Amino acid sequence: PTGLPENCGSFDVFLLDGNKTLIQAVKAVRQWVSGVGPPILTLIGQPGTGKTHLASAAGRYLEEHGESLLFRREGDMMAEFRSAVPRNQVEETLGTMSSVPWLIVDDLGTASVNDSGMLGELRDRLFDTRWRAAGTWRGALRTLVTTNLRSKELPPRVASRLSDSQWGNPIVGIDAPDFRVHGAKEKL
C-alpha cells in the first residue's frame, strides 16, 4: 500500500491567505510531481501551515497518474523498520523504501530516534541512497520531505542530503499561521 492518508488533500482545495511562501511551496511541489525542479524537495514550516496537505496532494496526483510511490510519516517509517527486525526483513524494507521512484516522508524529525542507534542508521542510509540516485534524468529517484525542524536541527547526514543545492533550491520555507487555528480565506 502507498500509505497515503485516507483524507488525502488535493492541489485544487489547498487554501491560501495570499501568502507568498505558500504560493512558492505549491509551485515547488507541482514542479516536483511533474519531474522538474529539485529531485529532493523539503518543505519546512511550523505545524498547521499546509505541509502535509501539499505532500498528500502530491501523493494523490502521482497515484492518479499511475506512478509508484510510498507516503510515510517518519514515525510510521521507523515503526516499519522496527517491526522488520524480528522478521529479518530490515534490508528488504530498506530496499523497498530506497528504490521506490517517488518517496514522500512526512513529519521528518518527529519520531523519537536515537541517531547513533540502528533506526537512526537506517534513516541515514535511506536518505543517502535516495540522494545518490537523485537527479534530473528519467528514472531518477524523487523524494519529498516535510518537517517542522530547521536544517540545523535535523540529523547532520540527513540535513546535508536534503539541502544539496546541485539541482536548484531544494528547501522551501513556509511562513504562515496555523490553518487549523486561523483558517484560510483564499482558494488557489
Protein backbone atom coordinates (compact mmCIF):
# COMPACT_ATOMS: atom_id res chain seq x y z
CA PRO A 1 0.00 0.00 0.00
CA THR A 2 1.13 3.52 -0.76
CA GLY A 3 0.41 4.79 2.75
CA LEU A 4 -1.46 7.87 1.55
CA PRO A 5 -3.78 9.27 4.20
CA GLU A 6 -7.45 8.46 3.63
CA ASN A 7 -8.38 12.13 3.86
CA CYS A 8 -5.74 12.92 1.26
CA GLY A 9 -5.66 16.57 0.24
CA SER A 10 -5.50 17.82 -3.31
CA PHE A 11 -4.00 20.83 -5.00
CA ASP A 12 -7.45 22.04 -6.05
CA VAL A 13 -8.64 22.61 -2.49
CA PHE A 14 -5.40 23.92 -0.99
CA LEU A 15 -6.31 27.20 0.64
CA LEU A 16 -4.08 30.27 0.71
CA ASP A 17 -4.23 33.53 2.56
CA GLY A 18 -2.35 35.47 -0.12
CA ASN A 19 0.84 34.15 1.46
CA LYS A 20 3.88 34.29 -0.85
CA THR A 21 5.62 31.37 0.88
CA LEU A 22 2.56 29.16 0.39
CA ILE A 23 2.36 30.16 -3.26
CA GLN A 24 6.07 29.29 -3.65
CA ALA A 25 5.51 25.93 -1.87
CA VAL A 26 2.58 24.98 -4.11
CA LYS A 27 4.61 25.88 -7.21
CA ALA A 28 7.62 23.85 -6.00
CA VAL A 29 5.53 20.76 -5.20
CA ARG A 30 3.68 20.95 -8.52
CA GLN A 31 7.04 21.11 -10.30
CA TRP A 32 8.32 18.19 -8.21
CA VAL A 33 5.41 15.93 -9.20
CA SER A 34 5.93 16.95 -12.82
CA GLY A 35 9.51 15.69 -12.63
CA VAL A 36 11.17 19.09 -12.85
CA GLY A 37 12.90 21.09 -10.18
CA PRO A 38 14.95 19.52 -7.39
CA PRO A 39 14.57 15.73 -7.17
CA ILE A 40 14.77 16.09 -3.39
CA LEU A 41 12.42 18.77 -2.12
CA THR A 42 11.93 19.70 1.52
CA LEU A 43 9.07 21.78 2.93
CA ILE A 44 9.93 23.38 6.27
CA GLY A 45 7.43 25.20 8.45
CA GLN A 46 5.57 25.25 11.71
CA PRO A 47 2.71 22.80 12.38
CA GLY A 48 -0.54 23.57 10.57
CA THR A 49 0.97 25.51 7.66
CA GLY A 50 -0.13 23.05 4.96
CA LYS A 51 2.98 20.89 4.51
CA THR A 52 1.16 17.58 4.99
CA HIS A 53 -1.70 18.74 2.78
CA LEU A 54 0.75 19.54 -0.03
CA ALA A 55 2.63 16.26 0.48
CA SER A 56 -0.58 14.21 0.35
CA ALA A 57 -1.78 16.23 -2.67
CA ALA A 58 1.49 15.29 -4.38
CA GLY A 59 0.90 11.65 -3.49
CA ARG A 60 -2.67 11.76 -4.78
CA TYR A 61 -1.53 13.34 -8.03
CA LEU A 62 1.17 10.70 -8.52
CA GLU A 63 -1.23 7.87 -7.69
CA GLU A 64 -3.80 9.22 -10.15
CA HIS A 65 -1.09 9.25 -12.83
CA GLY A 66 -0.11 5.62 -12.20
CA GLU A 67 3.23 6.35 -10.52
CA SER A 68 4.79 4.01 -7.97
CA LEU A 69 5.10 5.81 -4.64
CA LEU A 70 5.28 5.47 -0.90
CA PHE A 71 3.95 8.01 1.58
CA ARG A 72 5.22 7.60 5.12
CA ARG A 73 5.11 9.67 8.27
CA GLU A 74 8.56 9.36 9.80
CA GLY A 75 7.14 7.63 12.88
CA ASP A 76 5.38 5.04 10.72
CA MET A 77 8.51 4.53 8.65
CA MET A 78 10.55 3.91 11.80
CA ALA A 79 7.87 1.51 13.08
CA GLU A 80 8.18 -0.43 9.80
CA PHE A 81 11.92 -0.71 10.32
CA ARG A 82 11.44 -1.74 13.95
CA SER A 83 8.90 -4.44 13.06
CA ALA A 84 11.16 -5.75 10.28
CA VAL A 85 13.93 -6.60 12.77
CA PRO A 86 12.41 -9.75 14.34
CA ARG A 87 11.37 -11.00 10.88
CA ASN A 88 14.91 -10.47 9.49
CA GLN A 89 13.46 -8.17 6.80
CA VAL A 90 15.29 -4.94 7.59
CA GLU A 91 17.26 -4.90 4.33
CA GLU A 92 14.16 -5.77 2.31
CA THR A 93 12.17 -2.96 3.96
CA LEU A 94 15.02 -0.50 3.46
CA GLY A 95 15.41 -1.67 -0.13
CA THR A 96 11.75 -1.04 -0.91
CA MET A 97 11.86 2.49 0.52
CA SER A 98 15.21 3.19 -1.10
CA SER A 99 14.19 2.16 -4.60
CA VAL A 100 10.60 3.35 -5.00
CA PRO A 101 10.57 6.06 -7.70
CA TRP A 102 8.62 8.55 -5.56
CA LEU A 103 9.01 8.71 -1.76
CA ILE A 104 7.20 11.18 0.45
CA VAL A 105 8.33 11.39 4.09
CA ASP A 106 6.02 13.49 6.25
CA ASP A 107 6.98 15.00 9.61
CA LEU A 108 10.70 14.19 9.47
CA GLY A 109 12.22 14.74 12.89
CA THR A 110 9.12 13.99 14.94
CA ALA A 111 9.95 10.34 15.63
CA SER A 112 11.99 9.70 18.73
CA VAL A 113 15.04 8.07 17.15
CA ASN A 114 18.50 7.70 18.64
CA ASP A 115 20.75 8.87 15.81
CA SER A 116 23.53 6.54 16.92
CA GLY A 117 21.22 3.51 17.04
CA MET A 118 20.07 1.13 14.35
CA LEU A 119 16.94 3.12 13.42
CA GLY A 120 18.97 6.30 13.00
CA GLU A 121 21.43 4.41 10.82
CA LEU A 122 18.59 3.04 8.67
CA ARG A 123 17.08 6.51 8.24
CA ASP A 124 20.53 7.87 7.28
CA ARG A 125 21.10 5.04 4.79
CA LEU A 126 17.67 5.65 3.25
CA PHE A 127 18.32 9.34 2.62
CA ASP A 128 21.89 8.69 1.47
CA THR A 129 20.73 6.07 -1.05
CA ARG A 130 17.98 8.32 -2.39
CA TRP A 131 20.37 11.28 -2.60
CA ARG A 132 22.87 9.19 -4.59
CA ALA A 133 20.12 8.11 -7.03
CA ALA A 134 18.53 11.55 -7.37
CA GLY A 135 18.90 13.62 -10.48
CA THR A 136 17.15 15.20 -13.40
CA TRP A 137 17.34 12.22 -15.72
CA ARG A 138 14.34 10.00 -16.41
CA GLY A 139 14.11 7.28 -13.78
CA ALA A 140 15.95 9.26 -11.09
CA LEU A 141 14.54 8.81 -7.61
CA ARG A 142 12.47 11.72 -6.32
CA THR A 143 11.91 12.46 -2.64
CA LEU A 144 9.60 14.95 -0.92
CA VAL A 145 10.08 15.66 2.78
CA THR A 146 8.11 17.77 5.24
CA THR A 147 9.44 18.86 8.60
CA ASN A 148 8.85 21.30 11.43
CA LEU A 149 12.59 21.42 12.13
CA ARG A 150 15.21 23.74 10.74
CA SER A 151 18.07 22.09 8.85
CA LYS A 152 20.45 22.52 11.77
CA GLU A 153 18.03 20.56 14.00
CA LEU A 154 17.93 17.53 11.68
CA PRO A 155 20.47 14.70 11.84
CA PRO A 156 23.58 16.10 10.09
CA ARG A 157 23.84 13.42 7.36
CA VAL A 158 20.15 13.78 6.52
CA ALA A 159 20.28 17.60 6.56
CA SER A 160 23.28 17.52 4.22
CA ARG A 161 21.45 15.36 1.69
CA LEU A 162 18.24 17.38 1.87
CA SER A 163 20.00 20.72 1.40
CA ASP A 164 22.19 19.76 -1.57
CA SER A 165 21.67 22.64 -3.99
CA GLN A 166 23.20 20.98 -7.06
CA TRP A 167 19.70 20.77 -8.61
CA GLY A 168 18.39 24.18 -7.55
CA ASN A 169 16.59 25.31 -4.41
CA PRO A 170 15.78 22.09 -2.53
CA ILE A 171 14.28 23.72 0.57
CA VAL A 172 11.08 25.76 0.66
CA GLY A 173 10.31 27.55 3.90
CA ILE A 174 6.67 28.13 4.71
CA ASP A 175 5.90 31.08 6.96
CA ALA A 176 2.17 31.00 7.57
CA PRO A 177 -0.23 30.87 10.51
CA ASP A 178 -1.56 27.54 11.74
CA PHE A 179 -4.53 26.93 9.43
CA ARG A 180 -6.09 24.61 11.98
CA VAL A 181 -6.39 27.57 14.31
CA HIS A 182 -6.76 30.57 11.99
CA GLY A 183 -8.28 29.10 8.80
CA ALA A 184 -7.62 30.44 5.32
CA LYS A 185 -9.51 32.89 3.17
CA GLU A 186 -8.45 32.41 -0.45
CA LYS A 187 -8.62 29.35 -2.65
CA LEU A 188 -5.77 28.62 -5.00
